[in-house]
Amino acid sequence: MTVKIKRVCIENFCCLHKVDVSFEEIISFIGPTGVGKSTVLRALDWFFNGEKSLALETDDVHSAAEGGRISVEVEFDGLTDHDRDALGRYAPEGAESVSIWRTWQG
């Protein structure tokens, strides 16, 4: 079994005030221009690559956000012993899934 993304929760990132996306085996983002499809992918890029790929600024915080905080939470599922070793204290022994957050404060 391979570790996979099970769920992503994005708060206050650009046009996404609070979005929770469940991932299945195959997922498609379909919708009109300007609804946030690319923004979900940008949030994931920032989660995984941080400032190396996307330097956040106060303009990236959703207009309805209180406190200027951006949060991206990713829940991983199907963890193996190797995955738990790599994640260290973030994935306790025997855990099959784990949620990890990245936050930014403007």
PDB file of N, CA and C in Angstrom:
ATOM      1  N   MET A   1       0.846  -1.185   0.000  1.00  0.00           N
ATOM      2  CA  MET A   1       0.000   0.000   0.000  1.00  0.00           C
ATOM      3  C   MET A   1       0.888   1.243   0.000  1.00  0.00           C
ATOM      4  N   THR A   2       0.431   2.289  -0.656  1.00  0.00           N
ATOM      5  CA  THR A   2       1.170   3.532  -0.765  1.00  0.00           C
ATOM      6  C   THR A   2       0.428   4.629  -0.022  1.00  0.00           C
ATOM      7  N   VAL A   3       1.192   5.515   0.624  1.00  0.00           N
ATOM      8  CA  VAL A   3       0.564   6.645   1.298  1.00  0.00           C
ATOM      9  C   VAL A   3      -0.140   7.510   0.255  1.00  0.00           C
ATOM     10  N   LYS A   4      -1.323   7.985   0.620  1.00  0.00           N
ATOM     11  CA  LYS A   4      -2.067   8.827  -0.310  1.00  0.00           C
ATOM     12  C   LYS A   4      -2.736   9.963   0.446  1.00  0.00           C
ATOM     13  N   ILE A   5      -3.059  11.005  -0.282  1.00  0.00           N
ATOM     14  CA  ILE A   5      -3.809  12.117   0.302  1.00  0.00           C
ATOM     15  C   ILE A   5      -5.265  11.686   0.388  1.00  0.00           C
ATOM     16  N   LYS A   6      -5.809  11.776   1.589  1.00  0.00           N
ATOM     17  CA  LYS A   6      -7.204  11.394   1.817  1.00  0.00           C
ATOM     18  C   LYS A   6      -8.118  12.618   1.815  1.00  0.00           C
ATOM     19  N   ARG A   7      -7.609  13.730   2.383  1.00  0.00           N
ATOM     20  CA  ARG A   7      -8.441  14.918   2.581  1.00  0.00           C
ATOM     21  C   ARG A   7      -7.547  16.143   2.651  1.00  0.00           C
ATOM     22  N   VAL A   8      -8.052  17.269   2.168  1.00  0.00           N
ATOM     23  CA  VAL A   8      -7.346  18.548   2.267  1.00  0.00           C
ATOM     24  C   VAL A   8      -8.334  19.587   2.761  1.00  0.00           C
ATOM     25  N   CYS A   9      -7.939  20.344   3.769  1.00  0.00           N
ATOM     26  CA  CYS A   9      -8.753  21.438   4.291  1.00  0.00           C
ATOM     27  C   CYS A   9      -7.939  22.726   4.134  1.00  0.00           C
ATOM     28  N   ILE A  10      -8.491  23.693   3.423  1.00  0.00           N
ATOM     29  CA  ILE A  10      -7.806  24.952   3.150  1.00  0.00           C
ATOM     30  C   ILE A  10      -8.630  26.076   3.759  1.00  0.00           C
ATOM     31  N   GLU A  11      -7.965  26.937   4.528  1.00  0.00           N
ATOM     32  CA  GLU A  11      -8.656  28.070   5.145  1.00  0.00           C
ATOM     33  C   GLU A  11      -7.946  29.369   4.812  1.00  0.00           C
ATOM     34  N   ASN A  12      -8.721  30.319   4.312  1.00  0.00           N
ATOM     35  CA  ASN A  12      -8.287  31.697   4.096  1.00  0.00           C
ATOM     36  C   ASN A  12      -7.180  31.866   3.067  1.00  0.00           C
ATOM     37  N   PHE A  13      -7.137  30.975   2.072  1.00  0.00           N
ATOM     38  CA  PHE A  13      -6.119  31.076   1.034  1.00  0.00           C
ATOM     39  C   PHE A  13      -6.751  31.650  -0.229  1.00  0.00           C
ATOM     40  N   CYS A  14      -6.370  32.864  -0.576  1.00  0.00           N
ATOM     41  CA  CYS A  14      -6.873  33.576  -1.760  1.00  0.00           C
ATOM     42  C   CYS A  14      -8.400  33.574  -1.773  1.00  0.00           C
ATOM     43  N   CYS A  15      -9.028  32.978  -2.800  1.00  0.00           N
ATOM     44  CA  CYS A  15     -10.496  33.010  -2.897  1.00  0.00           C
ATOM     45  C   CYS A  15     -11.173  31.920  -2.073  1.00  0.00           C
ATOM     46  N   LEU A  16     -10.382  31.083  -1.391  1.00  0.00           N
ATOM     47  CA  LEU A  16     -10.950  29.971  -0.616  1.00  0.00           C
ATOM     48  C   LEU A  16     -11.020  30.340   0.859  1.00  0.00           C
ATOM     49  N   HIS A  17     -12.230  30.595   1.332  1.00  0.00           N
ATOM     50  CA  HIS A  17     -12.386  30.946   2.752  1.00  0.00           C
ATOM     51  C   HIS A  17     -12.250  29.699   3.622  1.00  0.00           C
ATOM     52  N   LYS A  18     -13.036  28.682   3.335  1.00  0.00           N
ATOM     53  CA  LYS A  18     -12.966  27.413   4.071  1.00  0.00           C
ATOM     54  C   LYS A  18     -13.441  26.309   3.133  1.00  0.00           C
ATOM     55  N   VAL A  19     -12.491  25.467   2.703  1.00  0.00           N
ATOM     56  CA  VAL A  19     -12.796  24.422   1.735  1.00  0.00           C
ATOM     57  C   VAL A  19     -12.257  23.102   2.256  1.00  0.00           C
ATOM     58  N   ASP A  20     -13.081  22.064   2.176  1.00  0.00           N
ATOM     59  CA  ASP A  20     -12.686  20.724   2.591  1.00  0.00           C
ATOM     60  C   ASP A  20     -12.885  19.801   1.386  1.00  0.00           C
ATOM     61  N   VAL A  21     -11.797  19.193   0.901  1.00  0.00           N
ATOM     62  CA  VAL A  21     -11.853  18.342  -0.282  1.00  0.00           C
ATOM     63  C   VAL A  21     -11.466  16.926   0.107  1.00  0.00           C
ATOM     64  N   SER A  22     -12.351  15.966  -0.172  1.00  0.00           N
ATOM     65  CA  SER A  22     -12.040  14.550   0.040  1.00  0.00           C
ATOM     66  C   SER A  22     -11.505  13.986  -1.264  1.00  0.00           C
ATOM     67  N   PHE A  23     -10.420  13.221  -1.168  1.00  0.00           N
ATOM     68  CA  PHE A  23      -9.796  12.655  -2.350  1.00  0.00           C
ATOM     69  C   PHE A  23     -10.146  11.173  -2.458  1.00  0.00           C
ATOM     70  N   GLU A  24     -10.531  10.763  -3.639  1.00  0.00           N
ATOM     71  CA  GLU A  24     -10.785   9.366  -3.957  1.00  0.00           C
ATOM     72  C   GLU A  24      -9.616   8.881  -4.803  1.00  0.00           C
ATOM     73  N   GLU A  25      -9.761   7.734  -5.445  1.00  0.00           N
ATOM     74  CA  GLU A  25      -8.693   7.217  -6.310  1.00  0.00           C
ATOM     75  C   GLU A  25      -8.375   8.196  -7.424  1.00  0.00           C
ATOM     76  N   ILE A  26      -9.425   8.765  -8.035  1.00  0.00           N
ATOM     77  CA  ILE A  26      -9.262   9.754  -9.094  1.00  0.00           C
ATOM     78  C   ILE A  26     -10.132  10.945  -8.726  1.00  0.00           C
ATOM     79  N   ILE A  27      -9.575  12.139  -8.878  1.00  0.00           N
ATOM     80  CA  ILE A  27     -10.351  13.344  -8.570  1.00  0.00           C
ATOM     81  C   ILE A  27     -10.195  14.335  -9.709  1.00  0.00           C
ATOM     82  N   SER A  28     -11.287  15.023 -10.032  1.00  0.00           N
ATOM     83  CA  SER A  28     -11.287  16.055 -11.069  1.00  0.00           C
ATOM     84  C   SER A  28     -11.828  17.338 -10.468  1.00  0.00           C
ATOM     85  N   PHE A  29     -11.254  18.446 -10.873  1.00  0.00           N
ATOM     86  CA  PHE A  29     -11.764  19.756 -10.484  1.00  0.00           C
ATOM     87  C   PHE A  29     -12.432  20.353 -11.706  1.00  0.00           C
ATOM     88  N   ILE A  30     -13.750  20.522 -11.633  1.00  0.00           N
ATOM     89  CA  ILE A  30     -14.524  21.040 -12.749  1.00  0.00           C
ATOM     90  C   ILE A  30     -15.334  22.228 -12.249  1.00  0.00           C
ATOM     91  N   GLY A  31     -15.325  23.298 -13.018  1.00  0.00           N
ATOM     92  CA  GLY A  31     -16.117  24.453 -12.652  1.00  0.00           C
ATOM     93  C   GLY A  31     -15.737  25.655 -13.487  1.00  0.00           C
ATOM     94  N   PRO A  32     -16.515  26.717 -13.357  1.00  0.00           N
ATOM     95  CA  PRO A  32     -16.237  27.924 -14.138  1.00  0.00           C
ATOM     96  C   PRO A  32     -14.944  28.610 -13.675  1.00  0.00           C
ATOM     97  N   THR A  33     -14.479  29.504 -14.501  1.00  0.00           N
ATOM     98  CA  THR A  33     -13.295  30.293 -14.187  1.00  0.00           C
ATOM     99  C   THR A  33     -13.529  31.091 -12.907  1.00  0.00           C
ATOM    100  N   GLY A  34     -12.512  31.128 -12.053  1.00  0.00           N
ATOM    101  CA  GLY A  34     -12.554  31.979 -10.869  1.00  0.00           C
ATOM    102  C   GLY A  34     -13.170  31.371  -9.629  1.00  0.00           C
ATOM    103  N   VAL A  35     -13.442  30.062  -9.611  1.00  0.00           N
ATOM    104  CA  VAL A  35     -14.058  29.463  -8.433  1.00  0.00           C
ATOM    105  C   VAL A  35     -13.061  28.802  -7.486  1.00  0.00           C
ATOM    106  N   GLY A  36     -11.776  28.685  -7.912  1.00  0.00           N
ATOM    107  CA  GLY A  36     -10.766  28.186  -6.986  1.00  0.00           C
ATOM    108  C   GLY A  36     -10.106  26.866  -7.339  1.00  0.00           C
ATOM    109  N   LYS A  37     -10.340  26.352  -8.541  1.00  0.00           N
ATOM    110  CA  LYS A  37      -9.722  25.068  -8.917  1.00  0.00           C
ATOM    111  C   LYS A  37      -8.199  25.148  -8.847  1.00  0.00           C
ATOM    112  N   SER A  38      -7.619  26.120  -9.499  1.00  0.00           N
ATOM    113  CA  SER A  38      -6.162  26.293  -9.492  1.00  0.00           C
ATOM    114  C   SER A  38      -5.659  26.681  -8.109  1.00  0.00           C
ATOM    115  N   THR A  39      -6.477  27.371  -7.346  1.00  0.00           N
ATOM    116  CA  THR A  39      -6.076  27.796  -6.002  1.00  0.00           C
ATOM    117  C   THR A  39      -5.891  26.596  -5.088  1.00  0.00           C
ATOM    118  N   VAL A  40      -6.710  25.563  -5.242  1.00  0.00           N
ATOM    119  CA  VAL A  40      -6.511  24.332  -4.458  1.00  0.00           C
ATOM    120  C   VAL A  40      -5.132  23.754  -4.760  1.00  0.00           C
ATOM    121  N   LEU A  41      -4.765  23.714  -6.037  1.00  0.00           N
ATOM    122  CA  LEU A  41      -3.450  23.184  -6.424  1.00  0.00           C
ATOM    123  C   LEU A  41      -2.314  24.079  -5.931  1.00  0.00           C
ATOM    124  N   ARG A  42      -2.513  25.393  -5.977  1.00  0.00           N
ATOM    125  CA  ARG A  42      -1.496  26.315  -5.441  1.00  0.00           C
ATOM    126  C   ARG A  42      -1.324  26.116  -3.937  1.00  0.00           C
ATOM    127  N   ALA A  43      -2.419  25.893  -3.217  1.00  0.00           N
ATOM    128  CA  ALA A  43      -2.342  25.660  -1.765  1.00  0.00           C
ATOM    129  C   ALA A  43      -1.566  24.377  -1.477  1.00  0.00           C
ATOM    130  N   LEU A  44      -1.798  23.333  -2.261  1.00  0.00           N
ATOM    131  CA  LEU A  44      -1.047  22.086  -2.086  1.00  0.00           C
ATOM    132  C   LEU A  44       0.431  22.284  -2.418  1.00  0.00           C
ATOM    133  N   ASP A  45       0.717  23.055  -3.451  1.00  0.00           N
ATOM    134  CA  ASP A  45       2.114  23.355  -3.796  1.00  0.00           C
ATOM    135  C   ASP A  45       2.792  24.060  -2.630  1.00  0.00           C
ATOM    136  N   TRP A  46       2.112  25.034  -2.035  1.00  0.00           N
ATOM    137  CA  TRP A  46       2.683  25.744  -0.883  1.00  0.00           C
ATOM    138  C   TRP A  46       2.853  24.804   0.309  1.00  0.00           C
ATOM    139  N   PHE A  47       1.880  23.915   0.535  1.00  0.00           N
ATOM    140  CA  PHE A  47       1.974  22.964   1.640  1.00  0.00           C
ATOM    141  C   PHE A  47       3.232  22.111   1.508  1.00  0.00           C
ATOM    142  N   PHE A  48       3.451  21.560   0.334  1.00  0.00           N
ATOM    143  CA  PHE A  48       4.570  20.639   0.132  1.00  0.00           C
ATOM    144  C   PHE A  48       5.914  21.329  -0.070  1.00  0.00           C
ATOM    145  N   ASN A  49       5.922  22.500  -0.706  1.00  0.00           N
ATOM    146  CA  ASN A  49       7.186  23.144  -1.069  1.00  0.00           C
ATOM    147  C   ASN A  49       7.465  24.446  -0.340  1.00  0.00           C
ATOM    148  N   GLY A  50       6.489  24.949   0.394  1.00  0.00           N
ATOM    149  CA  GLY A  50       6.690  26.163   1.177  1.00  0.00           C
ATOM    150  C   GLY A  50       7.105  27.351   0.332  1.00  0.00           C
ATOM    151  N   GLU A  51       7.914  28.183   0.922  1.00  0.00           N
ATOM    152  CA  GLU A  51       8.330  29.426   0.291  1.00  0.00           C
ATOM    153  C   GLU A  51       9.210  29.203  -0.941  1.00  0.00           C
ATOM    154  N   LYS A  52       9.742  27.979  -1.123  1.00  0.00           N
ATOM    155  CA  LYS A  52      10.551  27.700  -2.316  1.00  0.00           C
ATOM    156  C   LYS A  52       9.728  27.839  -3.587  1.00  0.00           C
ATOM    157  N   SER A  53       8.433  27.554  -3.491  1.00  0.00           N
ATOM    158  CA  SER A  53       7.598  27.605  -4.687  1.00  0.00           C
ATOM    159  C   SER A  53       6.665  28.813  -4.693  1.00  0.00           C
ATOM    160  N   LEU A  54       6.218  29.232  -3.525  1.00  0.00           N
ATOM    161  CA  LEU A  54       5.190  30.270  -3.452  1.00  0.00           C
ATOM    162  C   LEU A  54       5.385  31.102  -2.190  1.00  0.00           C
ATOM    163  N   ALA A  55       5.854  32.322  -2.357  1.00  0.00           N
ATOM    164  CA  ALA A  55       6.011  33.235  -1.222  1.00  0.00           C
ATOM    165  C   ALA A  55       4.666  33.914  -0.971  1.00  0.00           C
ATOM    166  N   LEU A  56       4.080  33.655   0.190  1.00  0.00           N
ATOM    167  CA  LEU A  56       2.779  34.240   0.505  1.00  0.00           C
ATOM    168  C   LEU A  56       2.931  35.683   0.969  1.00  0.00           C
ATOM    169  N   GLU A  57       1.881  36.446   0.694  1.00  0.00           N
ATOM    170  CA  GLU A  57       1.812  37.846   1.102  1.00  0.00           C
ATOM    171  C   GLU A  57       0.440  38.094   1.703  1.00  0.00           C
ATOM    172  N   THR A  58       0.252  39.240   2.311  1.00  0.00           N
ATOM    173  CA  THR A  58      -1.042  39.546   2.919  1.00  0.00           C
ATOM    174  C   THR A  58      -2.163  39.549   1.882  1.00  0.00           C
ATOM    175  N   ASP A  59      -1.855  39.819   0.615  1.00  0.00           N
ATOM    176  CA  ASP A  59      -2.876  39.781  -0.439  1.00  0.00           C
ATOM    177  C   ASP A  59      -3.403  38.367  -0.681  1.00  0.00           C
ATOM    178  N   ASP A  60      -2.675  37.347  -0.222  1.00  0.00           N
ATOM    179  CA  ASP A  60      -3.103  35.956  -0.392  1.00  0.00           C
ATOM    180  C   ASP A  60      -4.101  35.507   0.672  1.00  0.00           C
ATOM    181  N   VAL A  61      -4.350  36.335   1.671  1.00  0.00           N
ATOM    182  CA  VAL A  61      -5.289  36.003   2.742  1.00  0.00           C
ATOM    183  C   VAL A  61      -6.701  36.370   2.286  1.00  0.00           C
ATOM    184  N   HIS A  62      -7.641  35.460   2.469  1.00  0.00           N
ATOM    185  CA  HIS A  62      -9.039  35.679   2.094  1.00  0.00           C
ATOM    186  C   HIS A  62      -9.571  36.932   2.781  1.00  0.00           C
ATOM    187  N   SER A  63     -10.397  37.682   2.075  1.00  0.00           N
ATOM    188  CA  SER A  63     -10.906  38.957   2.600  1.00  0.00           C
ATOM    189  C   SER A  63     -11.758  38.798   3.852  1.00  0.00           C
ATOM    190  N   ALA A  64     -12.387  37.642   4.074  1.00  0.00           N
ATOM    191  CA  ALA A  64     -13.224  37.426   5.260  1.00  0.00           C
ATOM    192  C   ALA A  64     -12.452  36.810   6.423  1.00  0.00           C
ATOM    193  N   ALA A  65     -11.150  36.625   6.256  1.00  0.00           N
ATOM    194  CA  ALA A  65     -10.347  35.989   7.305  1.00  0.00           C
ATOM    195  C   ALA A  65     -10.192  36.922   8.499  1.00  0.00           C
ATOM    196  N   GLU A  66     -10.262  36.333   9.668  1.00  0.00           N
ATOM    197  CA  GLU A  66     -10.003  37.089  10.894  1.00  0.00           C
ATOM    198  C   GLU A  66      -8.597  36.742  11.353  1.00  0.00           C
ATOM    199  N   GLY A  67      -7.756  37.744  11.484  1.00  0.00           N
ATOM    200  CA  GLY A  67      -6.415  37.517  12.003  1.00  0.00           C
ATOM    201  C   GLY A  67      -5.344  37.279  10.954  1.00  0.00           C
ATOM    202  N   GLY A  68      -5.689  37.216   9.686  1.00  0.00           N
ATOM    203  CA  GLY A  68      -4.688  37.095   8.636  1.00  0.00           C
ATOM    204  C   GLY A  68      -3.928  35.785   8.598  1.00  0.00           C
ATOM    205  N   ARG A  69      -4.572  34.690   8.987  1.00  0.00           N
ATOM    206  CA  ARG A  69      -3.906  33.382   9.049  1.00  0.00           C
ATOM    207  C   ARG A  69      -4.386  32.476   7.925  1.00  0.00           C
ATOM    208  N   ILE A  70      -3.430  31.870   7.208  1.00  0.00           N
ATOM    209  CA  ILE A  70      -3.719  30.876   6.180  1.00  0.00           C
ATOM    210  C   ILE A  70      -3.354  29.508   6.746  1.00  0.00           C
ATOM    211  N   SER A  71      -4.196  28.513   6.482  1.00  0.00           N
ATOM    212  CA  SER A  71      -3.935  27.163   6.968  1.00  0.00           C
ATOM    213  C   SER A  71      -4.265  26.148   5.876  1.00  0.00           C
ATOM    214  N   VAL A  72      -3.344  25.201   5.684  1.00  0.00           N
ATOM    215  CA  VAL A  72      -3.592  24.080   4.778  1.00  0.00           C
ATOM    216  C   VAL A  72      -3.316  22.811   5.567  1.00  0.00           C
ATOM    217  N   GLU A  73      -4.331  21.965   5.694  1.00  0.00           N
ATOM    218  CA  GLU A  73      -4.211  20.690   6.401  1.00  0.00           C
ATOM    219  C   GLU A  73      -4.351  19.568   5.386  1.00  0.00           C
ATOM    220  N   VAL A  74      -3.423  18.622   5.441  1.00  0.00           N
ATOM    221  CA  VAL A  74      -3.480  17.468   4.553  1.00  0.00           C
ATOM    222  C   VAL A  74      -3.529  16.211   5.405  1.00  0.00           C
ATOM    223  N   GLU A  75      -4.537  15.362   5.141  1.00  0.00           N
ATOM    224  CA  GLU A  75      -4.641  14.081   5.842  1.00  0.00           C
ATOM    225  C   GLU A  75      -4.121  12.991   4.904  1.00  0.00           C
ATOM    226  N   PHE A  76      -3.120  12.261   5.373  1.00  0.00           N
ATOM    227  CA  PHE A  76      -2.533  11.164   4.611  1.00  0.00           C
ATOM    228  C   PHE A  76      -3.086   9.848   5.141  1.00  0.00           C
ATOM    229  N   ASP A  77      -3.269   8.886   4.254  1.00  0.00           N
ATOM    230  CA  ASP A  77      -3.829   7.600   4.630  1.00  0.00           C
ATOM    231  C   ASP A  77      -2.970   6.490   4.032  1.00  0.00           C
ATOM    232  N   GLY A  78      -3.066   5.309   4.599  1.00  0.00           N
ATOM    233  CA  GLY A  78      -2.324   4.163   4.093  1.00  0.00           C
ATOM    234  C   GLY A  78      -0.853   4.188   4.475  1.00  0.00           C
ATOM    235  N   LEU A  79      -0.556   4.713   5.677  1.00  0.00           N
ATOM    236  CA  LEU A  79       0.837   4.812   6.117  1.00  0.00           C
ATOM    237  C   LEU A  79       1.461   3.432   6.322  1.00  0.00           C
ATOM    238  N   THR A  80       2.696   3.310   5.901  1.00  0.00           N
ATOM    239  CA  THR A  80       3.474   2.092   6.134  1.00  0.00           C
ATOM    240  C   THR A  80       4.467   2.357   7.265  1.00  0.00           C
ATOM    241  N   ASP A  81       5.163   1.320   7.702  1.00  0.00           N
ATOM    242  CA  ASP A  81       6.207   1.507   8.716  1.00  0.00           C
ATOM    243  C   ASP A  81       7.252   2.499   8.216  1.00  0.00           C
ATOM    244  N   HIS A  82       7.613   2.407   6.948  1.00  0.00           N
ATOM    245  CA  HIS A  82       8.592   3.331   6.364  1.00  0.00           C
ATOM    246  C   HIS A  82       8.090   4.767   6.438  1.00  0.00           C
ATOM    247  N   ASP A  83       6.809   4.987   6.110  1.00  0.00           N
ATOM    248  CA  ASP A  83       6.221   6.324   6.175  1.00  0.00           C
ATOM    249  C   ASP A  83       6.252   6.854   7.608  1.00  0.00           C
ATOM    250  N   ARG A  84       5.880   6.000   8.572  1.00  0.00           N
ATOM    251  CA  ARG A  84       5.870   6.416   9.975  1.00  0.00           C
ATOM    252  C   ARG A  84       7.278   6.768  10.450  1.00  0.00           C
ATOM    253  N   ASP A  85       8.276   6.000  10.008  1.00  0.00           N
ATOM    254  CA  ASP A  85       9.664   6.316  10.357  1.00  0.00           C
ATOM    255  C   ASP A  85      10.066   7.672   9.783  1.00  0.00           C
ATOM    256  N   ALA A  86       9.697   7.916   8.529  1.00  0.00           N
ATOM    257  CA  ALA A  86      10.049   9.181   7.878  1.00  0.00           C
ATOM    258  C   ALA A  86       9.349  10.365   8.543  1.00  0.00           C
ATOM    259  N   LEU A  87       8.114  10.169   8.994  1.00  0.00           N
ATOM    260  CA  LEU A  87       7.355  11.245   9.634  1.00  0.00           C
ATOM    261  C   LEU A  87       7.709  11.428  11.108  1.00  0.00           C
ATOM    262  N   GLY A  88       8.394  10.463  11.684  1.00  0.00           N
ATOM    263  CA  GLY A  88       8.842  10.585  13.076  1.00  0.00           C
ATOM    264  C   GLY A  88       7.695  10.803  14.044  1.00  0.00           C
ATOM    265  N   ARG A  89       7.835  11.828  14.875  1.00  0.00           N
ATOM    266  CA  ARG A  89       6.842  12.085  15.933  1.00  0.00           C
ATOM    267  C   ARG A  89       5.462  12.470  15.401  1.00  0.00           C
ATOM    268  N   TYR A  90       5.378  12.802  14.100  1.00  0.00           N
ATOM    269  CA  TYR A  90       4.090  13.188  13.528  1.00  0.00           C
ATOM    270  C   TYR A  90       3.179  11.992  13.262  1.00  0.00           C
ATOM    271  N   ALA A  91       3.757  10.791  13.222  1.00  0.00           N
ATOM    272  CA  ALA A  91       2.966   9.592  12.945  1.00  0.00           C
ATOM    273  C   ALA A  91       3.324   8.510  13.955  1.00  0.00           C
ATOM    274  N   PRO A  92       2.540   8.373  15.017  1.00  0.00           N
ATOM    275  CA  PRO A  92       2.842   7.375  16.043  1.00  0.00           C
ATOM    276  C   PRO A  92       2.816   5.949  15.493  1.00  0.00           C
ATOM    277  N   GLU A  93       3.487   5.073  16.183  1.00  0.00           N
ATOM    278  CA  GLU A  93       3.543   3.669  15.787  1.00  0.00           C
ATOM    279  C   GLU A  93       2.137   3.110  15.636  1.00  0.00           C
ATOM    280  N   GLY A  94       1.905   2.421  14.536  1.00  0.00           N
ATOM    281  CA  GLY A  94       0.611   1.798  14.285  1.00  0.00           C
ATOM    282  C   GLY A  94      -0.417   2.703  13.620  1.00  0.00           C
ATOM    283  N   ALA A  95      -0.128   4.000  13.510  1.00  0.00           N
ATOM    284  CA  ALA A  95      -1.087   4.921  12.889  1.00  0.00           C
ATOM    285  C   ALA A  95      -1.221   4.612  11.405  1.00  0.00           C
ATOM    286  N   GLU A  96      -2.449   4.531  10.920  1.00  0.00           N
ATOM    287  CA  GLU A  96      -2.695   4.297   9.498  1.00  0.00           C
ATOM    288  C   GLU A  96      -2.908   5.602   8.743  1.00  0.00           C
ATOM    289  N   SER A  97      -3.240   6.671   9.485  1.00  0.00           N
ATOM    290  CA  SER A  97      -3.423   7.974   8.855  1.00  0.00           C
ATOM    291  C   SER A  97      -2.891   9.055   9.790  1.00  0.00           C
ATOM    292  N   VAL A  98      -2.595  10.215   9.204  1.00  0.00           N
ATOM    293  CA  VAL A  98      -2.080  11.339   9.974  1.00  0.00           C
ATOM    294  C   VAL A  98      -2.469  12.629   9.265  1.00  0.00           C
ATOM    295  N   SER A  99      -2.764  13.679  10.049  1.00  0.00           N
ATOM    296  CA  SER A  99      -3.060  15.003   9.505  1.00  0.00           C
ATOM    297  C   SER A  99      -1.920  15.935   9.864  1.00  0.00           C
ATOM    298  N   ILE A 100      -1.466  16.691   8.870  1.00  0.00           N
ATOM    299  CA  ILE A 100      -0.360  17.628   9.071  1.00  0.00           C
ATOM    300  C   ILE A 100      -0.798  18.993   8.554  1.00  0.00           C
ATOM    301  N   TRP A 101      -0.488  20.065   9.317  1.00  0.00           N
ATOM    302  CA  TRP A 101      -0.860  21.412   8.963  1.00  0.00           C
ATOM    303  C   TRP A 101       0.371  22.226   8.592  1.00  0.00           C
ATOM    304  N   ARG A 102       0.158  23.171   7.700  1.00  0.00           N
ATOM    305  CA  ARG A 102       1.123  24.242   7.452  1.00  0.00           C
ATOM    306  C   ARG A 102       0.322  25.524   7.579  1.00  0.00           C
ATOM    307  N   THR A 103       0.821  26.459   8.363  1.00  0.00           N
ATOM    308  CA  THR A 103       0.116  27.724   8.550  1.00  0.00           C
ATOM    309  C   THR A 103       1.040  28.888   8.229  1.00  0.00           C
ATOM    310  N   TRP A 104       0.424  30.010   7.903  1.00  0.00           N
ATOM    311  CA  TRP A 104       1.143  31.247   7.626  1.00  0.00           C
ATOM    312  C   TRP A 104       0.370  32.370   8.278  1.00  0.00           C
ATOM    313  N   GLN A 105       1.066  33.236   8.961  1.00  0.00           N
ATOM    314  CA  GLN A 105       0.444  34.373   9.631  1.00  0.00           C
ATOM    315  C   GLN A 105       0.947  35.656   8.972  1.00  0.00           C
ATOM    316  N   GLY A 106      -0.008  36.433   8.435  1.00  0.00           N
ATOM    317  CA  GLY A 106       0.343  37.688   7.748  1.00  0.00           C
ATOM    318  C   GLY A 106       0.547  38.834   8.676  1.00  0.00           C
TER     319      GLY A 106
END
